Amino acid sequence: MNSETLSHILQRIGPDHAGKRLKLQTIHSAIRPGPSGIRFSIENLDELGPLLKTLLRVSGLWSRAVKNSMTYQVTEQTVALPKLPHPFHGFRILHLSDIHIEGIVDHGQALREVIRNLNYDLCVITGDFRLLTYGEYQPTLDALSELVKDIQCPHGILGILGNHDFLEMVPGLENLGIRMLLNEACPIQSEGESIWIVGLDDAHWYEVADLPKALQNVPEEAIRILLVHSPEIIPEASEAGIDLYLCGHSHGGQICLPGGTPIIINSRCARQYTNGPWQHLALQGYTSRGVGSSLLPVRFSCRPEIVLHQLIAST
């Protein structure tokens, strides 16, 4: 990151936020001391990948598991919001999460074909653009440059960083047309009315999500849709009066038991918040299973997911 780019990002997020993120990027590892002791992150265990791959090959399940990772399910859900301005009744949001794009076997071709046939007003991407948690990220940007060509909607693309993503990726992502929200908010306007999209930096690994900062310029009475990489700050979002919480990170388990029961959820929250729609008091939320995969391009009993949220005004 050159000095001009660094200066611009520092103005947006402040030196404390930038310093913490950049420091942790250099020590991103499987186990590290955290506020509540030793914390384990399975996505950082590179040694687990070859072992799992060998087991799947020996068992004869490898080809099936890889095919499953590109069998996308389009999930459509309706979200009823009591304060929704009339121009946004029927507004459709394409929700992508955990793309891990350079790890997709066909480089995203099947994903692009599905997206081309969808109709929506806004696209949001809730983090983890890249597969690795370290090293070079240009292959991610190169692959994303092809994907975004097929994301066509009147209100564009908004995104946030996940625990796999580096702060240095932000300029490249924005050059591709993805407006990144770093504890920031922006209004979506139609016919003189607005809803607000609030985007936080990663709350899972980097722990730099700052909801009060992101909300500081958002009108109290506005509809507020929160983008967070993981479902780990639900109580805080509920207390802040967020209307809709969109996230991912868990992959729905990625490798699940028959019936979809996850073996590992890798999120510091109750399992009920790690897959699909959920409710916490007045707060509505959705945790996407994601379109990509971690460690290996494999899935069992847990299809990758593209979500369409349609907003309606409730009575």
C-alpha atoms as a PDB file:
ATOM      1  CA  MET A   1       0.000   0.000   0.000  1.00  0.00           C
ATOM      2  CA  ASN A   2       1.560   3.320  -1.040  1.00  0.00           C
ATOM      3  CA  SER A   3       1.642   6.329   1.264  1.00  0.00           C
ATOM      4  CA  GLU A   4      -1.195   8.146  -0.528  1.00  0.00           C
ATOM      5  CA  THR A   5      -3.508   5.141  -0.268  1.00  0.00           C
ATOM      6  CA  LEU A   6      -2.565   4.579   3.372  1.00  0.00           C
ATOM      7  CA  SER A   7      -3.258   8.224   4.156  1.00  0.00           C
ATOM      8  CA  HIS A   8      -6.715   8.003   2.566  1.00  0.00           C
ATOM      9  CA  ILE A   9      -7.638   4.868   4.532  1.00  0.00           C
ATOM     10  CA  LEU A  10      -6.310   6.382   7.771  1.00  0.00           C
ATOM     11  CA  GLN A  11      -8.603   9.374   7.258  1.00  0.00           C
ATOM     12  CA  ARG A  12     -11.571   7.015   6.892  1.00  0.00           C
ATOM     13  CA  ILE A  13     -10.922   4.621   9.767  1.00  0.00           C
ATOM     14  CA  GLY A  14      -8.421   6.310  12.089  1.00  0.00           C
ATOM     15  CA  PRO A  15      -4.952   5.190  13.237  1.00  0.00           C
ATOM     16  CA  ASP A  16      -6.131   2.892  16.051  1.00  0.00           C
ATOM     17  CA  HIS A  17      -8.358   0.811  13.779  1.00  0.00           C
ATOM     18  CA  ALA A  18      -5.717   0.664  11.034  1.00  0.00           C
ATOM     19  CA  GLY A  19      -2.921  -0.131  13.459  1.00  0.00           C
ATOM     20  CA  LYS A  20      -4.775  -3.026  15.084  1.00  0.00           C
ATOM     21  CA  ARG A  21      -5.766  -4.530  11.761  1.00  0.00           C
ATOM     22  CA  LEU A  22      -2.326  -4.223  10.167  1.00  0.00           C
ATOM     23  CA  LYS A  23      -0.658  -5.708  13.234  1.00  0.00           C
ATOM     24  CA  LEU A  24      -2.959  -8.715  13.309  1.00  0.00           C
ATOM     25  CA  GLN A  25      -2.536  -9.267   9.596  1.00  0.00           C
ATOM     26  CA  THR A  26       1.124 -10.007  10.260  1.00  0.00           C
ATOM     27  CA  ILE A  27       0.355 -12.605  12.919  1.00  0.00           C
ATOM     28  CA  HIS A  28      -2.747 -14.193  11.425  1.00  0.00           C
ATOM     29  CA  SER A  29      -2.415 -17.757  12.692  1.00  0.00           C
ATOM     30  CA  ALA A  30      -4.503 -20.627  13.980  1.00  0.00           C
ATOM     31  CA  ILE A  31      -4.140 -19.924  17.687  1.00  0.00           C
ATOM     32  CA  ARG A  32      -3.468 -16.653  19.449  1.00  0.00           C
ATOM     33  CA  PRO A  33      -4.159 -15.076  22.840  1.00  0.00           C
ATOM     34  CA  GLY A  34      -7.423 -13.145  22.845  1.00  0.00           C
ATOM     35  CA  PRO A  35      -9.571 -11.265  25.358  1.00  0.00           C
ATOM     36  CA  SER A  36     -11.088 -14.564  26.487  1.00  0.00           C
ATOM     37  CA  GLY A  37      -7.926 -16.656  26.359  1.00  0.00           C
ATOM     38  CA  ILE A  38      -6.667 -18.868  23.543  1.00  0.00           C
ATOM     39  CA  ARG A  39      -8.842 -18.641  20.454  1.00  0.00           C
ATOM     40  CA  PHE A  40      -8.952 -21.292  17.729  1.00  0.00           C
ATOM     41  CA  SER A  41      -9.647 -20.578  14.064  1.00  0.00           C
ATOM     42  CA  ILE A  42      -9.971 -23.694  11.957  1.00  0.00           C
ATOM     43  CA  GLU A  43      -9.699 -21.805   8.663  1.00  0.00           C
ATOM     44  CA  ASN A  44      -6.048 -21.100   9.470  1.00  0.00           C
ATOM     45  CA  LEU A  45      -5.037 -24.747   9.827  1.00  0.00           C
ATOM     46  CA  ASP A  46      -3.432 -25.273   6.407  1.00  0.00           C
ATOM     47  CA  GLU A  47      -2.301 -28.762   7.479  1.00  0.00           C
ATOM     48  CA  LEU A  48      -5.917 -29.882   7.785  1.00  0.00           C
ATOM     49  CA  GLY A  49      -6.585 -29.377   4.052  1.00  0.00           C
ATOM     50  CA  PRO A  50      -4.281 -32.100   2.664  1.00  0.00           C
ATOM     51  CA  LEU A  51      -5.419 -34.528   5.356  1.00  0.00           C
ATOM     52  CA  LEU A  52      -9.094 -33.952   4.599  1.00  0.00           C
ATOM     53  CA  LYS A  53      -8.444 -34.190   0.853  1.00  0.00           C
ATOM     54  CA  THR A  54      -6.702 -37.532   1.292  1.00  0.00           C
ATOM     55  CA  LEU A  55      -9.563 -38.882   3.386  1.00  0.00           C
ATOM     56  CA  LEU A  56     -12.142 -37.813   0.784  1.00  0.00           C
ATOM     57  CA  ARG A  57     -10.141 -39.348  -2.066  1.00  0.00           C
ATOM     58  CA  VAL A  58      -9.631 -42.639  -0.227  1.00  0.00           C
ATOM     59  CA  SER A  59     -13.342 -42.785   0.606  1.00  0.00           C
ATOM     60  CA  GLY A  60     -14.314 -42.053  -3.003  1.00  0.00           C
ATOM     61  CA  LEU A  61     -16.192 -38.898  -2.031  1.00  0.00           C
ATOM     62  CA  TRP A  62     -13.841 -36.250  -3.426  1.00  0.00           C
ATOM     63  CA  SER A  63     -15.496 -35.722  -6.842  1.00  0.00           C
ATOM     64  CA  ARG A  64     -18.953 -35.539  -5.308  1.00  0.00           C
ATOM     65  CA  ALA A  65     -17.812 -33.066  -2.653  1.00  0.00           C
ATOM     66  CA  VAL A  66     -16.198 -30.781  -5.238  1.00  0.00           C
ATOM     67  CA  LYS A  67     -19.299 -30.880  -7.465  1.00  0.00           C
ATOM     68  CA  ASN A  68     -21.428 -29.973  -4.430  1.00  0.00           C
ATOM     69  CA  SER A  69     -19.313 -26.849  -3.887  1.00  0.00           C
ATOM     70  CA  MET A  70     -20.547 -25.389  -7.195  1.00  0.00           C
ATOM     71  CA  THR A  71     -24.199 -26.476  -6.975  1.00  0.00           C
ATOM     72  CA  TYR A  72     -25.609 -23.102  -5.990  1.00  0.00           C
ATOM     73  CA  GLN A  73     -28.949 -22.668  -4.285  1.00  0.00           C
ATOM     74  CA  VAL A  74     -30.816 -19.401  -4.804  1.00  0.00           C
ATOM     75  CA  THR A  75     -32.700 -18.641  -1.600  1.00  0.00           C
ATOM     76  CA  GLU A  76     -35.439 -16.004  -1.752  1.00  0.00           C
ATOM     77  CA  GLN A  77     -36.781 -14.570   1.464  1.00  0.00           C
ATOM     78  CA  THR A  78     -39.183 -11.775   2.291  1.00  0.00           C
ATOM     79  CA  VAL A  79     -38.333  -9.292   5.034  1.00  0.00           C
ATOM     80  CA  ALA A  80     -41.242  -7.292   6.448  1.00  0.00           C
ATOM     81  CA  LEU A  81     -40.182  -3.960   7.954  1.00  0.00           C
ATOM     82  CA  PRO A  82     -42.710  -1.673   9.673  1.00  0.00           C
ATOM     83  CA  LYS A  83     -40.956   1.617   8.873  1.00  0.00           C
ATOM     84  CA  LEU A  84     -40.038   0.827   5.271  1.00  0.00           C
ATOM     85  CA  PRO A  85     -40.588   3.848   2.995  1.00  0.00           C
ATOM     86  CA  HIS A  86     -43.069   3.207   0.199  1.00  0.00           C
ATOM     87  CA  PRO A  87     -40.530   3.457  -2.682  1.00  0.00           C
ATOM     88  CA  PHE A  88     -38.623   0.506  -1.187  1.00  0.00           C
ATOM     89  CA  HIS A  89     -41.603  -1.846  -1.022  1.00  0.00           C
ATOM     90  CA  GLY A  90     -40.429  -4.801  -3.154  1.00  0.00           C
ATOM     91  CA  PHE A  91     -36.762  -3.674  -3.094  1.00  0.00           C
ATOM     92  CA  ARG A  92     -34.511  -6.694  -3.733  1.00  0.00           C
ATOM     93  CA  ILE A  93     -31.030  -7.181  -2.268  1.00  0.00           C
ATOM     94  CA  LEU A  94     -28.620  -9.754  -3.688  1.00  0.00           C
ATOM     95  CA  HIS A  95     -26.576 -11.062  -0.759  1.00  0.00           C
ATOM     96  CA  LEU A  96     -23.261 -12.798  -1.466  1.00  0.00           C
ATOM     97  CA  SER A  97     -20.915 -13.903   1.283  1.00  0.00           C
ATOM     98  CA  ASP A  98     -17.676 -15.836   1.732  1.00  0.00           C
ATOM     99  CA  ILE A  99     -16.856 -15.917  -1.966  1.00  0.00           C
ATOM    100  CA  HIS A 100     -13.259 -17.162  -1.447  1.00  0.00           C
ATOM    101  CA  ILE A 101     -13.145 -16.717  -5.177  1.00  0.00           C
ATOM    102  CA  GLU A 102      -9.675 -17.944  -6.092  1.00  0.00           C
ATOM    103  CA  GLY A 103     -10.550 -21.247  -4.407  1.00  0.00           C
ATOM    104  CA  ILE A 104     -13.578 -21.956  -6.638  1.00  0.00           C
ATOM    105  CA  VAL A 105     -12.658 -24.797  -8.991  1.00  0.00           C
ATOM    106  CA  ASP A 106     -14.279 -23.306 -12.116  1.00  0.00           C
ATOM    107  CA  HIS A 107     -13.049 -19.794 -11.224  1.00  0.00           C
ATOM    108  CA  GLY A 108     -16.623 -18.632 -10.619  1.00  0.00           C
ATOM    109  CA  GLN A 109     -18.098 -19.481 -14.019  1.00  0.00           C
ATOM    110  CA  ALA A 110     -21.147 -21.344 -12.661  1.00  0.00           C
ATOM    111  CA  LEU A 111     -21.679 -18.627 -10.065  1.00  0.00           C
ATOM    112  CA  ARG A 112     -21.658 -15.958 -12.753  1.00  0.00           C
ATOM    113  CA  GLU A 113     -24.178 -17.875 -14.843  1.00  0.00           C
ATOM    114  CA  VAL A 114     -26.615 -18.022 -11.936  1.00  0.00           C
ATOM    115  CA  ILE A 115     -26.215 -14.337 -11.084  1.00  0.00           C
ATOM    116  CA  ARG A 116     -26.818 -13.269 -14.693  1.00  0.00           C
ATOM    117  CA  ASN A 117     -30.383 -14.552 -14.492  1.00  0.00           C
ATOM    118  CA  LEU A 118     -31.348 -12.780 -11.262  1.00  0.00           C
ATOM    119  CA  ASN A 119     -33.152  -9.467 -10.821  1.00  0.00           C
ATOM    120  CA  TYR A 120     -32.253  -7.226  -7.870  1.00  0.00           C
ATOM    121  CA  ASP A 121     -31.776  -3.578  -6.964  1.00  0.00           C
ATOM    122  CA  LEU A 122     -28.640  -3.712  -4.814  1.00  0.00           C
ATOM    123  CA  CYS A 123     -25.838  -6.213  -4.206  1.00  0.00           C
ATOM    124  CA  VAL A 124     -24.141  -6.590  -0.814  1.00  0.00           C
ATOM    125  CA  ILE A 125     -21.084  -8.761  -0.138  1.00  0.00           C
ATOM    126  CA  THR A 126     -20.507  -9.635   3.507  1.00  0.00           C
ATOM    127  CA  GLY A 127     -16.788 -10.359   3.497  1.00  0.00           C
ATOM    128  CA  ASP A 128     -14.182 -13.022   2.761  1.00  0.00           C
ATOM    129  CA  PHE A 129     -13.493 -12.207  -0.853  1.00  0.00           C
ATOM    130  CA  ARG A 130     -10.265 -14.226  -0.739  1.00  0.00           C
ATOM    131  CA  LEU A 131      -9.430 -17.828   0.180  1.00  0.00           C
ATOM    132  CA  LEU A 132      -6.152 -17.498   2.075  1.00  0.00           C
ATOM    133  CA  THR A 133      -5.655 -15.513   5.268  1.00  0.00           C
ATOM    134  CA  TYR A 134      -2.126 -14.454   4.325  1.00  0.00           C
ATOM    135  CA  GLY A 135       0.089 -13.695   1.337  1.00  0.00           C
ATOM    136  CA  GLU A 136      -0.629 -12.243  -2.083  1.00  0.00           C
ATOM    137  CA  TYR A 137      -4.189 -11.057  -2.798  1.00  0.00           C
ATOM    138  CA  GLN A 138      -3.895  -9.959  -6.450  1.00  0.00           C
ATOM    139  CA  PRO A 139      -5.311 -13.292  -7.728  1.00  0.00           C
ATOM    140  CA  THR A 140      -8.446 -12.530  -5.698  1.00  0.00           C
ATOM    141  CA  LEU A 141      -8.842  -9.119  -7.315  1.00  0.00           C
ATOM    142  CA  ASP A 142      -8.210 -10.582 -10.787  1.00  0.00           C
ATOM    143  CA  ALA A 143     -10.917 -13.216 -10.318  1.00  0.00           C
ATOM    144  CA  LEU A 144     -13.357 -10.706  -8.811  1.00  0.00           C
ATOM    145  CA  SER A 145     -12.905  -8.416 -11.810  1.00  0.00           C
ATOM    146  CA  GLU A 146     -14.675 -11.065 -13.909  1.00  0.00           C
ATOM    147  CA  LEU A 147     -17.426 -11.708 -11.366  1.00  0.00           C
ATOM    148  CA  VAL A 148     -18.443  -8.067 -10.930  1.00  0.00           C
ATOM    149  CA  LYS A 149     -19.075  -7.772 -14.673  1.00  0.00           C
ATOM    150  CA  ASP A 150     -22.137  -9.938 -14.116  1.00  0.00           C
ATOM    151  CA  ILE A 151     -23.416  -8.051 -11.072  1.00  0.00           C
ATOM    152  CA  GLN A 152     -25.673  -5.478 -12.690  1.00  0.00           C
ATOM    153  CA  CYS A 153     -28.148  -3.463 -10.611  1.00  0.00           C
ATOM    154  CA  PRO A 154     -29.253   0.184 -10.288  1.00  0.00           C
ATOM    155  CA  HIS A 155     -27.797   0.761  -6.807  1.00  0.00           C
ATOM    156  CA  GLY A 156     -24.444  -0.941  -7.310  1.00  0.00           C
ATOM    157  CA  ILE A 157     -22.365  -3.124  -4.986  1.00  0.00           C
ATOM    158  CA  LEU A 158     -21.534  -2.553  -1.315  1.00  0.00           C
ATOM    159  CA  GLY A 159     -19.061  -4.688   0.594  1.00  0.00           C
ATOM    160  CA  ILE A 160     -17.291  -5.221   3.886  1.00  0.00           C
ATOM    161  CA  LEU A 161     -14.073  -6.996   4.849  1.00  0.00           C
ATOM    162  CA  GLY A 162     -14.042 -10.455   6.408  1.00  0.00           C
ATOM    163  CA  ASN A 163     -11.446 -12.226   8.489  1.00  0.00           C
ATOM    164  CA  HIS A 164      -9.697 -13.530   5.348  1.00  0.00           C
ATOM    165  CA  ASP A 165      -9.397 -10.066   3.787  1.00  0.00           C
ATOM    166  CA  PHE A 166      -6.572  -7.534   4.115  1.00  0.00           C
ATOM    167  CA  LEU A 167      -7.059  -3.813   4.599  1.00  0.00           C
ATOM    168  CA  GLU A 168      -4.735  -3.245   1.626  1.00  0.00           C
ATOM    169  CA  MET A 169      -7.351  -4.836  -0.636  1.00  0.00           C
ATOM    170  CA  VAL A 170      -9.780  -1.949  -0.170  1.00  0.00           C
ATOM    171  CA  PRO A 171      -8.444   0.296  -2.990  1.00  0.00           C
ATOM    172  CA  GLY A 172      -8.425  -2.612  -5.431  1.00  0.00           C
ATOM    173  CA  LEU A 173     -11.948  -3.651  -4.482  1.00  0.00           C
ATOM    174  CA  GLU A 174     -13.216  -0.104  -4.860  1.00  0.00           C
ATOM    175  CA  ASN A 175     -11.487   0.190  -8.237  1.00  0.00           C
ATOM    176  CA  LEU A 176     -13.616  -2.790  -9.299  1.00  0.00           C
ATOM    177  CA  GLY A 177     -16.765  -0.847  -8.379  1.00  0.00           C
ATOM    178  CA  ILE A 178     -17.388  -2.339  -4.938  1.00  0.00           C
ATOM    179  CA  ARG A 179     -17.954   0.447  -2.424  1.00  0.00           C
ATOM    180  CA  MET A 180     -16.390  -0.775   0.804  1.00  0.00           C
ATOM    181  CA  LEU A 181     -17.846   0.214   4.162  1.00  0.00           C
ATOM    182  CA  LEU A 182     -15.260   0.331   6.973  1.00  0.00           C
ATOM    183  CA  ASN A 183     -17.407   1.061  10.017  1.00  0.00           C
ATOM    184  CA  GLU A 184     -19.290   3.418   7.724  1.00  0.00           C
ATOM    185  CA  ALA A 185     -22.831   3.866   6.428  1.00  0.00           C
ATOM    186  CA  CYS A 186     -24.363   5.104   3.208  1.00  0.00           C
ATOM    187  CA  PRO A 187     -27.936   5.919   2.171  1.00  0.00           C
ATOM    188  CA  ILE A 188     -29.739   4.213  -0.696  1.00  0.00           C
ATOM    189  CA  GLN A 189     -32.179   6.704  -2.152  1.00  0.00           C
ATOM    190  CA  SER A 190     -35.347   6.334  -4.195  1.00  0.00           C
ATOM    191  CA  GLU A 191     -38.025   8.938  -4.940  1.00  0.00           C
ATOM    192  CA  GLY A 192     -36.764  11.217  -2.199  1.00  0.00           C
ATOM    193  CA  GLU A 193     -36.766   8.495   0.482  1.00  0.00           C
ATOM    194  CA  SER A 194     -33.815   6.575   1.939  1.00  0.00           C
ATOM    195  CA  ILE A 195     -32.781   3.406   3.664  1.00  0.00           C
ATOM    196  CA  TRP A 196     -29.302   3.112   5.163  1.00  0.00           C
ATOM    197  CA  ILE A 197     -26.739   0.342   4.696  1.00  0.00           C
ATOM    198  CA  VAL A 198     -24.334   0.146   7.630  1.00  0.00           C
ATOM    199  CA  GLY A 199     -21.128  -1.821   7.102  1.00  0.00           C
ATOM    200  CA  LEU A 200     -18.695  -2.989   9.785  1.00  0.00           C
ATOM    201  CA  ASP A 201     -15.143  -4.238   9.581  1.00  0.00           C
ATOM    202  CA  ASP A 202     -14.487  -7.792  10.793  1.00  0.00           C
ATOM    203  CA  ALA A 203     -15.838  -8.642  14.248  1.00  0.00           C
ATOM    204  CA  HIS A 204     -14.600 -12.246  14.303  1.00  0.00           C
ATOM    205  CA  TRP A 205     -10.806 -12.273  14.044  1.00  0.00           C
ATOM    206  CA  TYR A 206      -9.673  -8.657  13.910  1.00  0.00           C
ATOM    207  CA  GLU A 207     -12.334  -7.427  16.366  1.00  0.00           C
ATOM    208  CA  VAL A 208     -12.423  -3.969  14.790  1.00  0.00           C
ATOM    209  CA  ALA A 209     -16.177  -3.671  14.257  1.00  0.00           C
ATOM    210  CA  ASP A 210     -17.373  -0.311  15.602  1.00  0.00           C
ATOM    211  CA  LEU A 211     -21.146  -0.032  15.377  1.00  0.00           C
ATOM    212  CA  PRO A 212     -21.515   3.294  17.239  1.00  0.00           C
ATOM    213  CA  LYS A 213     -19.045   4.927  14.855  1.00  0.00           C
ATOM    214  CA  ALA A 214     -20.812   3.499  11.816  1.00  0.00           C
ATOM    215  CA  LEU A 215     -24.178   4.791  13.045  1.00  0.00           C
ATOM    216  CA  GLN A 216     -23.085   8.291  14.013  1.00  0.00           C
ATOM    217  CA  ASN A 217     -24.511   9.972  10.893  1.00  0.00           C
ATOM    218  CA  VAL A 218     -27.512   7.688  10.401  1.00  0.00           C
ATOM    219  CA  PRO A 219     -30.926   9.182  11.268  1.00  0.00           C
ATOM    220  CA  GLU A 220     -32.537   7.489  14.257  1.00  0.00           C
ATOM    221  CA  GLU A 221     -35.813   6.936  12.412  1.00  0.00           C
ATOM    222  CA  ALA A 222     -34.214   5.447   9.268  1.00  0.00           C
ATOM    223  CA  ILE A 223     -34.386   1.814   8.206  1.00  0.00           C
ATOM    224  CA  ARG A 224     -30.920   0.452   8.974  1.00  0.00           C
ATOM    225  CA  ILE A 225     -29.593  -2.698   7.340  1.00  0.00           C
ATOM    226  CA  LEU A 226     -26.361  -3.926   8.912  1.00  0.00           C
ATOM    227  CA  LEU A 227     -23.620  -5.802   7.062  1.00  0.00           C
ATOM    228  CA  VAL A 228     -21.324  -7.782   9.367  1.00  0.00           C
ATOM    229  CA  HIS A 229     -19.083 -10.649   8.347  1.00  0.00           C
ATOM    230  CA  SER A 230     -20.130 -12.918  11.227  1.00  0.00           C
ATOM    231  CA  PRO A 231     -23.207 -13.346  13.475  1.00  0.00           C
ATOM    232  CA  GLU A 232     -21.273 -12.435  16.609  1.00  0.00           C
ATOM    233  CA  ILE A 233     -22.530  -8.988  17.601  1.00  0.00           C
ATOM    234  CA  ILE A 234     -26.254  -9.691  17.434  1.00  0.00           C
ATOM    235  CA  PRO A 235     -27.076  -8.411  20.966  1.00  0.00           C
ATOM    236  CA  GLU A 236     -25.241  -5.146  20.282  1.00  0.00           C
ATOM    237  CA  ALA A 237     -27.046  -4.692  16.963  1.00  0.00           C
ATOM    238  CA  SER A 238     -30.390  -5.398  18.592  1.00  0.00           C
ATOM    239  CA  GLU A 239     -29.752  -2.858  21.323  1.00  0.00           C
ATOM    240  CA  ALA A 240     -28.767  -0.269  18.697  1.00  0.00           C
ATOM    241  CA  GLY A 241     -32.112  -0.666  16.923  1.00  0.00           C
ATOM    242  CA  ILE A 242     -30.848  -2.276  13.714  1.00  0.00           C
ATOM    243  CA  ASP A 243     -33.705  -3.502  11.513  1.00  0.00           C
ATOM    244  CA  LEU A 244     -31.967  -6.235   9.491  1.00  0.00           C
ATOM    245  CA  TYR A 245     -28.613  -7.969  10.127  1.00  0.00           C
ATOM    246  CA  LEU A 246     -26.957  -9.681   7.132  1.00  0.00           C
ATOM    247  CA  CYS A 247     -23.859 -11.835   7.587  1.00  0.00           C
ATOM    248  CA  GLY A 248     -22.090 -15.072   6.706  1.00  0.00           C
ATOM    249  CA  HIS A 249     -18.777 -16.562   7.885  1.00  0.00           C
ATOM    250  CA  SER A 250     -20.105 -19.891   9.212  1.00  0.00           C
ATOM    251  CA  HIS A 251     -20.571 -21.457   5.720  1.00  0.00           C
ATOM    252  CA  GLY A 252     -23.516 -23.192   7.376  1.00  0.00           C
ATOM    253  CA  GLY A 253     -20.928 -25.712   8.526  1.00  0.00           C
ATOM    254  CA  GLN A 254     -19.787 -26.505   4.927  1.00  0.00           C
ATOM    255  CA  ILE A 255     -19.408 -30.199   5.767  1.00  0.00           C
ATOM    256  CA  CYS A 256     -22.564 -31.264   7.560  1.00  0.00           C
ATOM    257  CA  LEU A 257     -24.204 -34.452   8.701  1.00  0.00           C
ATOM    258  CA  PRO A 258     -27.157 -35.752   6.664  1.00  0.00           C
ATOM    259  CA  GLY A 259     -30.019 -33.351   7.219  1.00  0.00           C
ATOM    260  CA  GLY A 260     -27.707 -30.338   7.363  1.00  0.00           C
ATOM    261  CA  THR A 261     -26.497 -30.488  10.967  1.00  0.00           C
ATOM    262  CA  PRO A 262     -23.108 -28.711  11.048  1.00  0.00           C
ATOM    263  CA  ILE A 263     -20.100 -30.398  12.633  1.00  0.00           C
ATOM    264  CA  ILE A 264     -18.245 -27.094  13.129  1.00  0.00           C
ATOM    265  CA  ILE A 265     -19.773 -23.594  13.057  1.00  0.00           C
ATOM    266  CA  ASN A 266     -16.657 -21.523  13.882  1.00  0.00           C
ATOM    267  CA  SER A 267     -18.679 -18.638  15.309  1.00  0.00           C
ATOM    268  CA  ARG A 268     -18.934 -17.340  18.855  1.00  0.00           C
ATOM    269  CA  CYS A 269     -22.725 -17.422  19.036  1.00  0.00           C
ATOM    270  CA  ALA A 270     -25.591 -19.864  19.438  1.00  0.00           C
ATOM    271  CA  ARG A 271     -26.084 -22.315  16.571  1.00  0.00           C
ATOM    272  CA  GLN A 272     -29.518 -20.876  15.815  1.00  0.00           C
ATOM    273  CA  TYR A 273     -27.799 -17.781  14.397  1.00  0.00           C
ATOM    274  CA  THR A 274     -25.334 -19.589  12.101  1.00  0.00           C
ATOM    275  CA  ASN A 275     -27.522 -20.557   9.155  1.00  0.00           C
ATOM    276  CA  GLY A 276     -30.511 -19.003   7.464  1.00  0.00           C
ATOM    277  CA  PRO A 277     -33.127 -16.588   8.848  1.00  0.00           C
ATOM    278  CA  TRP A 278     -33.322 -15.846  12.548  1.00  0.00           C
ATOM    279  CA  GLN A 279     -34.892 -13.389  14.976  1.00  0.00           C
ATOM    280  CA  HIS A 280     -33.443 -11.831  18.137  1.00  0.00           C
ATOM    281  CA  LEU A 281     -36.100  -9.773  19.922  1.00  0.00           C
ATOM    282  CA  ALA A 282     -37.159  -7.193  17.291  1.00  0.00           C
ATOM    283  CA  LEU A 283     -34.032  -7.724  15.180  1.00  0.00           C
ATOM    284  CA  GLN A 284     -34.375  -9.802  12.012  1.00  0.00           C
ATOM    285  CA  GLY A 285     -31.301 -11.432  10.531  1.00  0.00           C
ATOM    286  CA  TYR A 286     -29.947 -13.811   7.942  1.00  0.00           C
ATOM    287  CA  THR A 287     -26.726 -15.805   8.016  1.00  0.00           C
ATOM    288  CA  SER A 288     -25.738 -16.978   4.543  1.00  0.00           C
ATOM    289  CA  ARG A 289     -24.070 -20.341   3.946  1.00  0.00           C
ATOM    290  CA  GLY A 290     -21.839 -18.465   1.510  1.00  0.00           C
ATOM    291  CA  VAL A 291     -20.993 -19.137  -2.119  1.00  0.00           C
ATOM    292  CA  GLY A 292     -17.410 -20.320  -1.599  1.00  0.00           C
ATOM    293  CA  SER A 293     -15.607 -22.808   0.613  1.00  0.00           C
ATOM    294  CA  SER A 294     -12.757 -22.702   3.123  1.00  0.00           C
ATOM    295  CA  LEU A 295      -9.684 -24.955   3.154  1.00  0.00           C
ATOM    296  CA  LEU A 296     -10.922 -27.089   0.250  1.00  0.00           C
ATOM    297  CA  PRO A 297     -13.590 -26.661  -2.464  1.00  0.00           C
ATOM    298  CA  VAL A 298     -15.877 -29.260  -0.885  1.00  0.00           C
ATOM    299  CA  ARG A 299     -19.346 -29.370   0.650  1.00  0.00           C
ATOM    300  CA  PHE A 300     -21.622 -32.039   2.092  1.00  0.00           C
ATOM    301  CA  SER A 301     -25.303 -31.614   3.010  1.00  0.00           C
ATOM    302  CA  CYS A 302     -24.763 -27.856   2.798  1.00  0.00           C
ATOM    303  CA  ARG A 303     -25.134 -26.273  -0.626  1.00  0.00           C
ATOM    304  CA  PRO A 304     -23.488 -22.925  -1.381  1.00  0.00           C
ATOM    305  CA  GLU A 305     -26.036 -20.156  -1.244  1.00  0.00           C
ATOM    306  CA  ILE A 306     -26.993 -17.014  -3.134  1.00  0.00           C
ATOM    307  CA  VAL A 307     -29.622 -15.049  -1.215  1.00  0.00           C
ATOM    308  CA  LEU A 308     -32.234 -12.595  -2.480  1.00  0.00           C
ATOM    309  CA  HIS A 309     -33.850 -10.527   0.271  1.00  0.00           C
ATOM    310  CA  GLN A 310     -37.051  -8.756  -0.779  1.00  0.00           C
ATOM    311  CA  LEU A 311     -38.096  -5.893   1.494  1.00  0.00           C
ATOM    312  CA  ILE A 312     -41.787  -5.249   2.034  1.00  0.00           C
ATOM    313  CA  ALA A 313     -43.635  -2.781   4.214  1.00  0.00           C
ATOM    314  CA  SER A 314     -45.428  -4.515   7.069  1.00  0.00           C
ATOM    315  CA  THR A 315     -48.736  -3.211   8.370  1.00  0.00           C
END
